[in-house]
Amino acid sequence: MAKKKRMSGPDTDAQIRALRETMLATARRVDRTMAARMPAPPPPSLEASVPGAEVETPHGKHYEALNAWDHRRRHGNMELGTLSELPHDLLEEISEGAVKGAPPASWAFLDTETTGLAGGSGTCAFLIGIGRITQRGFTVRQYFMRDFAEEASQLWAVAQALEDVEVLVTYNGKCFDVPLLETRYRMQRAMPPFQNIPHLDLLYGARRLWRLRLDSCKLTELEARILGHEREDDIPGELIPLAYFDFVRTGRVSRLAPVFLHNALDIVSLACLTGVVPGVFRKHSGGAPAWTELRHPAECVAMGRWLRQAGRPEEARNLFRRAVNRNLAEELIYRTLWDLADLERKLEDIAAAVAIWTQLASMRNPHQTDALIALAKHYEHRLRDYTRALECTDAALAIRMEPEFEHRRRRLAGRASQSLLIS
């Protein structure tokens, strides 16, 4: 019996392909149906993403997380154990006497994460972190309101945590964190806990010291440039409110966990910088000023300006002298020379002042004209050399026409003529 030949051809191949596609589509549909019937895996809990616990207070409940760093742990170039060894009077000089001697264990480092960056009565601090120095290292306790109804409980717990604090340290806290929290306490009809705690806002000292050296004095910038700690995958500050609103709306914690880490790192960096910045403003036990250890010329200039403003001209002069002898950047050198000449004059080192004015008058710079007029005054009033005073005034007029200069020139021309007649 003859075997039948297998039929094949274009029509048969097309039918096979169509059958395969139908079977695949059916399989996908079944998979989707089965997946829809299966219960969805529960989203990760807050406790799993941010280890902590719910805390109950007389005003309700809120969430708290505790982070602890061992004293041997390094944050950039600083070992956290050194914080407990800081002098008790470290903060007195930088605060101009507002903060008296207090042991480091009594300091609290506070930072908030808020629902908005502009402040105002509608802005809440949904996360409040408080750092403390301990003999074992450093701890950060974070007080978190999982929704707006937990604010009263959160604020009550923060007030309790600040009861034994002798010094409050913040970064821009005088303008932002503390006023915002005071508003929130009053809106909850509670007394703010800050009135009797001396407050050091480290931002002002950091700006005095580094604003001429660094492009920015943001805390994260100082963390990287001064402490040498580089963050990885840090959440930008402008996204933090959005992460919180997403958590309140959906319960998702995936975007919220980085906020807790961001807040904790801010507080650790604040504590470490508190071990750096105030030390520059105080004197060592032997009486020598700590600024003598400054190495960067821009830091010397910034510190010198602060000392001059604080009524300490001799120290300011020494810092300006050090700065101009250390390859100071062009954008700072001329202003610093001008300020130094003014201090030399006030401290009655006239020869040094004249030398600097002469140097500034001999080259193009923003203070060339001022230096020429300063020399003109010196020659006129101190040396009675009206001819040289007139030459300096003419040179100033050649650079910039000013009615005051023209008046000075007419007066000096008359006096120079009289002195020639007398001689």
Protein backbone atom coordinates (compact mmCIF):
# COMPACT_ATOMS: atom_id res chain seq x y z
CA MET A 1 0.00 0.00 0.00
CA ALA A 2 1.49 3.30 -1.10
CA LYS A 3 2.27 5.93 1.60
CA LYS A 4 0.57 9.28 1.37
CA LYS A 5 2.84 12.18 0.68
CA ARG A 6 3.07 14.87 3.42
CA MET A 7 1.38 17.99 2.25
CA SER A 8 3.38 21.19 2.57
CA GLY A 9 3.48 24.55 0.95
CA PRO A 10 2.99 28.23 1.54
CA ASP A 11 -0.59 27.84 2.80
CA THR A 12 0.34 25.14 5.30
CA ASP A 13 3.29 27.15 6.74
CA ALA A 14 1.08 30.20 7.17
CA GLN A 15 -1.51 28.14 9.03
CA ILE A 16 1.14 26.78 11.37
CA ARG A 17 2.46 30.26 12.14
CA ALA A 18 -1.06 31.52 12.79
CA LEU A 19 -1.74 28.61 15.13
CA ARG A 20 1.45 29.32 17.09
CA GLU A 21 0.56 33.00 17.45
CA THR A 22 -2.92 32.08 18.67
CA MET A 23 -1.48 29.71 21.25
CA LEU A 24 1.00 32.34 22.51
CA ALA A 25 -1.72 34.98 22.77
CA THR A 26 -3.91 32.53 24.70
CA ALA A 27 -1.03 31.74 27.08
CA ARG A 28 -0.41 35.42 27.75
CA ARG A 29 -4.10 36.01 28.42
CA VAL A 30 -4.19 33.12 30.86
CA ASP A 31 -1.09 34.47 32.63
CA ARG A 32 -2.68 37.90 33.02
CA THR A 33 -5.89 36.39 34.33
CA MET A 34 -4.05 34.27 36.86
CA ALA A 35 -1.90 37.21 37.96
CA ALA A 36 -5.00 39.36 38.49
CA ARG A 37 -6.55 36.66 40.67
CA MET A 38 -3.39 36.26 42.76
CA PRO A 39 -3.13 38.65 45.75
CA ALA A 40 -0.56 41.41 45.23
CA PRO A 41 2.52 41.21 47.48
CA PRO A 42 2.24 43.71 50.34
CA PRO A 43 4.33 46.87 49.93
CA PRO A 44 7.39 47.10 52.20
CA SER A 45 6.51 48.55 55.58
CA LEU A 46 7.99 51.69 57.10
CA GLU A 47 9.64 49.52 59.78
CA ALA A 48 11.33 47.39 57.12
CA SER A 49 12.69 50.37 55.19
CA VAL A 50 13.45 52.66 58.15
CA PRO A 51 14.08 50.59 61.28
CA GLY A 52 12.26 52.14 64.21
CA ALA A 53 9.08 51.92 66.22
CA GLU A 54 5.76 53.58 66.81
CA VAL A 55 5.79 55.76 69.94
CA GLU A 56 2.72 56.71 71.94
CA THR A 57 2.58 60.02 73.84
CA PRO A 58 -0.13 61.93 75.72
CA HIS A 59 -0.96 63.57 72.39
CA GLY A 60 -1.23 60.49 70.19
CA LYS A 61 1.27 58.46 68.24
CA HIS A 62 4.17 59.05 65.86
CA TYR A 63 7.16 57.13 64.52
CA GLU A 64 10.76 57.29 65.74
CA ALA A 65 13.98 55.97 64.23
CA LEU A 66 17.33 55.80 66.03
CA ASN A 67 20.73 55.70 64.34
CA ALA A 68 23.95 55.15 66.26
CA TRP A 69 27.54 55.57 65.06
CA ASP A 70 30.42 54.02 66.97
CA HIS A 71 33.11 56.36 68.31
CA ARG A 72 35.66 54.74 65.97
CA ARG A 73 33.52 55.48 62.91
CA ARG A 74 34.88 58.11 60.55
CA HIS A 75 32.78 60.70 58.76
CA GLY A 76 35.08 61.87 56.04
CA ASN A 77 38.31 62.93 57.69
CA MET A 78 36.90 63.14 61.23
CA GLU A 79 36.62 60.37 63.77
CA LEU A 80 33.33 60.72 65.64
CA GLY A 81 34.94 59.82 68.95
CA THR A 82 36.80 63.14 68.93
CA LEU A 83 33.51 65.03 69.34
CA SER A 84 33.20 64.00 72.99
CA GLU A 85 36.65 65.48 73.63
CA LEU A 86 35.81 68.99 72.37
CA PRO A 87 36.47 71.80 74.89
CA HIS A 88 33.49 72.91 76.98
CA ASP A 89 34.07 76.57 76.04
CA LEU A 90 34.53 75.86 72.31
CA LEU A 91 31.38 77.74 71.26
CA GLU A 92 31.84 80.83 73.40
CA GLU A 93 34.04 82.88 71.07
CA ILE A 94 32.15 82.15 67.85
CA SER A 95 28.84 83.00 69.55
CA GLU A 96 30.35 86.23 70.96
CA GLY A 97 29.60 85.09 74.49
CA ALA A 98 26.01 83.98 73.92
CA VAL A 99 26.91 80.32 74.47
CA LYS A 100 28.78 79.70 77.71
CA GLY A 101 30.75 76.63 78.68
CA ALA A 102 28.79 73.39 78.33
CA PRO A 103 29.97 69.79 77.92
CA PRO A 104 29.57 68.37 74.39
CA ALA A 105 27.18 65.71 75.72
CA SER A 106 24.72 68.53 76.49
CA TRP A 107 24.71 69.88 72.91
CA ALA A 108 21.89 68.99 70.53
CA PHE A 109 22.22 69.16 66.73
CA LEU A 110 18.85 69.77 65.09
CA ASP A 111 17.72 69.59 61.48
CA THR A 112 14.29 69.29 59.89
CA GLU A 113 12.78 68.04 56.65
CA THR A 114 9.68 69.97 55.72
CA THR A 115 6.70 69.96 53.41
CA GLY A 116 7.99 73.09 51.71
CA LEU A 117 11.20 75.06 51.37
CA ALA A 118 9.66 78.53 51.63
CA GLY A 119 8.37 78.25 55.19
CA GLY A 120 5.12 79.87 56.30
CA SER A 121 2.28 78.72 58.52
CA GLY A 122 1.27 76.01 56.04
CA THR A 123 4.68 74.33 56.12
CA CYS A 124 5.20 71.40 58.51
CA ALA A 125 8.35 69.69 59.69
CA PHE A 126 7.35 66.11 58.98
CA LEU A 127 10.77 64.82 60.09
CA ILE A 128 12.78 66.31 62.96
CA GLY A 129 16.23 64.90 63.67
CA ILE A 130 18.21 65.50 66.86
CA GLY A 131 21.84 64.42 67.13
CA ARG A 132 23.69 63.92 70.41
CA ILE A 133 27.33 63.31 71.27
CA THR A 134 27.90 60.30 73.51
CA GLN A 135 30.92 58.54 74.96
CA ARG A 136 30.21 55.69 72.56
CA GLY A 137 30.02 57.92 69.51
CA PHE A 138 27.08 59.79 68.04
CA THR A 139 23.33 59.17 67.84
CA VAL A 140 20.55 60.65 65.74
CA ARG A 141 16.94 60.19 66.80
CA GLN A 142 14.38 61.09 64.15
CA TYR A 143 10.79 62.05 64.97
CA PHE A 144 8.43 61.37 62.07
CA MET A 145 4.75 62.14 61.63
CA ARG A 146 3.22 59.55 59.32
CA ASP A 147 0.34 61.88 58.62
CA PHE A 148 -0.59 65.39 59.69
CA ALA A 149 -2.66 64.14 62.64
CA GLU A 150 0.55 62.96 64.34
CA GLU A 151 2.18 66.40 64.53
CA ALA A 152 1.12 67.12 68.12
CA SER A 153 2.65 63.86 69.33
CA GLN A 154 5.82 64.42 67.33
CA LEU A 155 6.33 67.95 68.68
CA TRP A 156 5.65 66.84 72.26
CA ALA A 157 8.36 64.17 71.96
CA VAL A 158 10.86 66.68 70.53
CA ALA A 159 10.21 69.04 73.46
CA GLN A 160 10.86 66.18 75.87
CA ALA A 161 14.11 65.34 74.10
CA LEU A 162 15.36 68.92 74.46
CA GLU A 163 14.73 69.19 78.20
CA ASP A 164 18.32 68.41 79.22
CA VAL A 165 19.94 70.30 76.33
CA GLU A 166 22.24 73.22 77.20
CA VAL A 167 23.20 74.26 73.65
CA LEU A 168 21.23 73.96 70.41
CA VAL A 169 23.29 73.84 67.20
CA THR A 170 21.71 74.23 63.74
CA TYR A 171 22.69 75.17 60.21
CA ASN A 172 20.50 78.06 59.04
CA GLY A 173 18.24 77.22 61.97
CA LYS A 174 17.82 80.81 63.15
CA CYS A 175 16.18 81.79 59.89
CA PHE A 176 14.39 78.55 59.00
CA ASP A 177 14.17 75.51 61.29
CA VAL A 178 13.57 77.15 64.66
CA PRO A 179 11.06 79.81 63.49
CA LEU A 180 9.16 77.13 61.56
CA LEU A 181 9.02 74.84 64.59
CA GLU A 182 7.98 77.70 66.87
CA THR A 183 5.07 78.37 64.51
CA ARG A 184 4.06 74.71 64.54
CA TYR A 185 4.16 74.57 68.36
CA ARG A 186 1.96 77.64 68.63
CA MET A 187 -0.50 76.25 66.09
CA GLN A 188 -0.71 73.16 68.30
CA ARG A 189 -1.24 75.49 71.30
CA ALA A 190 1.99 74.31 72.87
CA MET A 191 4.95 76.25 74.25
CA PRO A 192 8.03 76.12 71.98
CA PRO A 193 10.98 74.55 73.81
CA PHE A 194 13.67 76.85 72.42
CA GLN A 195 13.39 80.05 74.47
CA ASN A 196 15.79 79.06 77.25
CA ILE A 197 18.31 77.13 75.15
CA PRO A 198 21.33 79.09 73.83
CA HIS A 199 21.35 78.68 70.06
CA LEU A 200 24.36 78.59 67.76
CA ASP A 201 23.63 78.78 64.04
CA LEU A 202 26.84 77.46 62.51
CA LEU A 203 26.00 78.85 59.07
CA TYR A 204 27.23 82.33 60.01
CA GLY A 205 30.60 81.12 61.23
CA ALA A 206 31.01 78.90 58.19
CA ARG A 207 30.28 81.81 55.88
CA ARG A 208 32.77 84.03 57.67
CA LEU A 209 35.44 81.42 57.21
CA TRP A 210 34.79 79.94 53.77
CA ARG A 211 32.64 82.28 51.68
CA LEU A 212 35.72 83.65 49.88
CA ARG A 213 37.22 80.22 49.29
CA LEU A 214 34.18 78.18 48.24
CA ASP A 215 31.50 78.86 45.68
CA SER A 216 28.82 77.73 48.13
CA CYS A 217 28.53 77.30 51.90
CA LYS A 218 25.72 74.77 51.66
CA LEU A 219 26.08 72.05 54.25
CA THR A 220 26.59 69.33 51.64
CA GLU A 221 29.29 71.45 49.97
CA LEU A 222 31.20 71.83 53.23
CA GLU A 223 30.67 68.14 53.93
CA ALA A 224 32.48 67.31 50.70
CA ARG A 225 35.10 70.07 50.58
CA ILE A 226 36.02 70.40 54.27
CA LEU A 227 35.16 67.02 55.79
CA GLY A 228 35.98 64.99 52.69
CA HIS A 229 32.75 62.96 52.78
CA GLU A 230 31.06 62.29 49.43
CA ARG A 231 27.43 61.18 49.45
CA GLU A 232 26.17 58.60 47.00
CA ASP A 233 22.64 58.67 45.54
CA ASP A 234 21.55 61.49 47.87
CA ILE A 235 18.01 62.76 47.34
CA PRO A 236 17.93 66.41 46.19
CA GLY A 237 16.38 68.77 48.73
CA GLU A 238 13.69 69.98 46.36
CA LEU A 239 12.35 66.41 45.97
CA ILE A 240 11.99 65.76 49.71
CA PRO A 241 8.51 67.32 50.09
CA LEU A 242 7.30 65.31 47.09
CA ALA A 243 8.58 62.08 48.64
CA TYR A 244 6.62 62.78 51.82
CA PHE A 245 3.39 63.64 50.03
CA ASP A 246 3.74 60.45 47.98
CA PHE A 247 4.06 58.46 51.23
CA VAL A 248 1.01 60.13 52.80
CA ARG A 249 -1.04 59.54 49.66
CA THR A 250 0.01 55.99 48.78
CA GLY A 251 1.87 54.56 51.77
CA ARG A 252 4.91 53.82 49.60
CA VAL A 253 8.16 54.12 51.52
CA SER A 254 10.60 53.54 48.66
CA ARG A 255 11.09 57.28 48.13
CA LEU A 256 10.94 58.10 51.84
CA ALA A 257 13.87 56.00 53.13
CA PRO A 258 16.47 58.24 51.39
CA VAL A 259 14.95 61.24 53.19
CA PHE A 260 15.75 59.71 56.58
CA LEU A 261 19.32 59.03 55.46
CA HIS A 262 19.66 62.57 54.07
CA ASN A 263 18.51 64.05 57.37
CA ALA A 264 20.82 61.85 59.45
CA LEU A 265 23.86 62.69 57.32
CA ASP A 266 23.08 66.41 57.56
CA ILE A 267 23.12 66.14 61.34
CA VAL A 268 26.35 64.11 61.48
CA SER A 269 28.04 66.63 59.19
CA LEU A 270 26.73 69.51 61.30
CA ALA A 271 28.26 67.94 64.41
CA CYS A 272 31.60 67.35 62.70
CA LEU A 273 31.74 70.91 61.36
CA THR A 274 31.00 72.14 64.88
CA GLY A 275 34.27 70.50 65.81
CA VAL A 276 36.04 72.48 63.06
CA VAL A 277 34.56 75.96 62.60
CA PRO A 278 34.38 77.34 66.17
CA GLY A 279 37.94 76.26 66.88
CA VAL A 280 39.25 78.85 64.42
CA PHE A 281 37.57 81.67 66.36
CA ARG A 282 38.91 80.84 69.81
CA LYS A 283 42.29 81.09 71.50
CA HIS A 284 44.39 78.14 72.58
CA SER A 285 45.06 77.53 76.25
CA GLY A 286 48.41 79.28 75.91
CA GLY A 287 46.75 82.43 74.60
CA ALA A 288 47.75 82.05 70.95
CA PRO A 289 44.85 82.58 68.52
CA ALA A 290 43.74 79.47 66.67
CA TRP A 291 43.63 81.35 63.37
CA THR A 292 47.42 81.10 63.23
CA GLU A 293 46.84 77.54 61.99
CA LEU A 294 44.95 78.73 58.89
CA ARG A 295 46.72 77.77 55.68
CA HIS A 296 44.47 78.82 52.82
CA PRO A 297 44.92 82.54 51.93
CA ALA A 298 41.21 83.05 51.22
CA GLU A 299 40.42 81.76 54.71
CA CYS A 300 42.96 84.21 56.13
CA VAL A 301 41.22 87.08 54.32
CA ALA A 302 37.76 86.05 55.46
CA MET A 303 38.90 85.64 59.05
CA GLY A 304 40.74 88.94 58.90
CA ARG A 305 37.60 90.77 57.79
CA TRP A 306 35.68 89.28 60.71
CA LEU A 307 38.39 90.24 63.19
CA ARG A 308 38.49 93.78 61.83
CA GLN A 309 34.73 94.05 62.20
CA ALA A 310 35.00 92.61 65.72
CA GLY A 311 37.36 95.42 66.73
CA ARG A 312 40.58 93.38 66.68
CA PRO A 313 42.67 95.30 64.11
CA GLU A 314 46.11 93.92 65.05
CA GLU A 315 45.00 90.33 64.48
CA ALA A 316 43.21 91.32 61.26
CA ARG A 317 46.36 93.02 60.00
CA ASN A 318 48.45 89.91 60.67
CA LEU A 319 45.99 87.76 58.71
CA PHE A 320 45.88 90.17 55.77
CA ARG A 321 49.68 90.24 55.68
CA ARG A 322 49.77 86.45 55.68
CA ALA A 323 47.19 86.28 52.88
CA VAL A 324 48.95 88.67 50.49
CA ASN A 325 52.17 86.69 50.91
CA ARG A 326 50.52 83.38 49.96
CA ASN A 327 49.56 83.68 46.28
CA LEU A 328 46.15 85.19 46.94
CA ALA A 329 43.79 85.03 43.96
CA GLU A 330 43.56 88.13 41.79
CA GLU A 331 39.92 88.78 42.65
CA LEU A 332 40.92 89.11 46.32
CA ILE A 333 44.43 90.55 46.27
CA TYR A 334 43.59 94.19 45.46
CA ARG A 335 40.75 94.50 47.98
CA THR A 336 42.92 92.83 50.62
CA LEU A 337 45.83 95.19 49.94
CA TRP A 338 43.47 98.14 50.24
CA ASP A 339 42.05 96.85 53.53
CA LEU A 340 45.55 96.14 54.81
CA ALA A 341 46.71 99.67 53.97
CA ASP A 342 43.75 101.09 55.86
CA LEU A 343 44.63 98.99 58.92
CA GLU A 344 48.29 100.04 58.71
CA ARG A 345 47.18 103.67 58.69
CA LYS A 346 44.85 103.21 61.67
CA LEU A 347 47.58 101.38 63.58
CA GLU A 348 49.93 104.26 62.71
CA ASP A 349 52.35 102.32 60.55
CA ILE A 350 52.25 105.05 57.93
CA ALA A 351 55.29 103.85 56.02
CA ALA A 352 53.65 100.46 55.43
CA ALA A 353 50.40 102.11 54.35
CA VAL A 354 52.23 104.41 51.89
CA ALA A 355 54.09 101.44 50.43
CA ILE A 356 50.83 99.62 49.74
CA TRP A 357 49.11 102.72 48.32
CA THR A 358 52.09 103.24 46.01
CA GLN A 359 51.87 99.63 44.86
CA LEU A 360 48.13 99.92 44.16
CA ALA A 361 48.57 103.28 42.42
CA SER A 362 51.13 101.87 39.99
CA MET A 363 48.87 99.28 38.32
CA ARG A 364 45.38 98.95 36.92
CA ASN A 365 43.02 97.65 39.61
CA PRO A 366 39.70 98.61 41.22
CA HIS A 367 41.48 100.61 43.97
CA GLN A 368 44.03 102.45 41.84
CA THR A 369 42.20 105.78 41.97
CA ASP A 370 41.50 105.48 45.69
CA ALA A 371 45.18 104.75 46.30
CA LEU A 372 46.23 107.82 44.33
CA ILE A 373 43.90 110.03 46.37
CA ALA A 374 45.15 108.43 49.60
CA LEU A 375 48.70 109.30 48.54
CA ALA A 376 47.61 112.82 47.63
CA LYS A 377 46.16 113.28 51.13
CA HIS A 378 49.31 111.87 52.68
CA TYR A 379 51.63 114.21 50.77
CA GLU A 380 49.37 117.22 51.37
CA HIS A 381 48.53 116.85 55.06
CA ARG A 382 51.50 114.94 56.48
CA LEU A 383 54.46 116.01 54.33
CA ARG A 384 53.17 119.34 52.98
CA ASP A 385 54.51 118.24 49.61
CA TYR A 386 51.87 119.93 47.46
CA THR A 387 53.65 119.23 44.19
CA ARG A 388 53.61 115.44 44.67
CA ALA A 389 50.06 115.64 46.01
CA LEU A 390 49.07 117.49 42.82
CA GLU A 391 50.76 114.83 40.68
CA CYS A 392 48.78 112.07 42.40
CA THR A 393 45.53 114.01 41.97
CA ASP A 394 46.21 114.60 38.27
CA ALA A 395 46.85 110.87 37.86
CA ALA A 396 43.54 110.10 39.57
CA LEU A 397 41.69 112.57 37.33
CA ALA A 398 43.22 110.91 34.28
CA ILE A 399 41.53 107.69 35.33
CA ARG A 400 38.23 109.04 36.62
CA MET A 401 36.71 112.52 36.53
CA GLU A 402 35.21 113.44 39.88
CA PRO A 403 34.11 116.89 41.13
CA GLU A 404 35.89 116.17 44.42
CA PHE A 405 39.13 115.43 42.58
CA GLU A 406 38.84 118.62 40.52
CA HIS A 407 38.25 120.67 43.66
CA ARG A 408 41.28 119.06 45.28
CA ARG A 409 43.38 119.79 42.19
CA ARG A 410 42.48 123.50 42.19
CA ARG A 411 43.36 123.80 45.86
CA LEU A 412 46.63 121.92 45.46
CA ALA A 413 47.59 123.91 42.36
CA GLY A 414 47.23 127.11 44.36
CA ARG A 415 49.23 125.76 47.29
CA ALA A 416 51.93 124.36 45.00
CA SER A 417 52.28 127.79 43.34
CA GLN A 418 52.54 129.52 46.71
CA SER A 419 55.17 127.08 47.95
CA LEU A 420 57.25 127.72 44.78
CA LEU A 421 57.04 131.48 45.30
CA ILE A 422 58.03 131.15 48.95
CA SER A 423 60.96 128.93 48.12
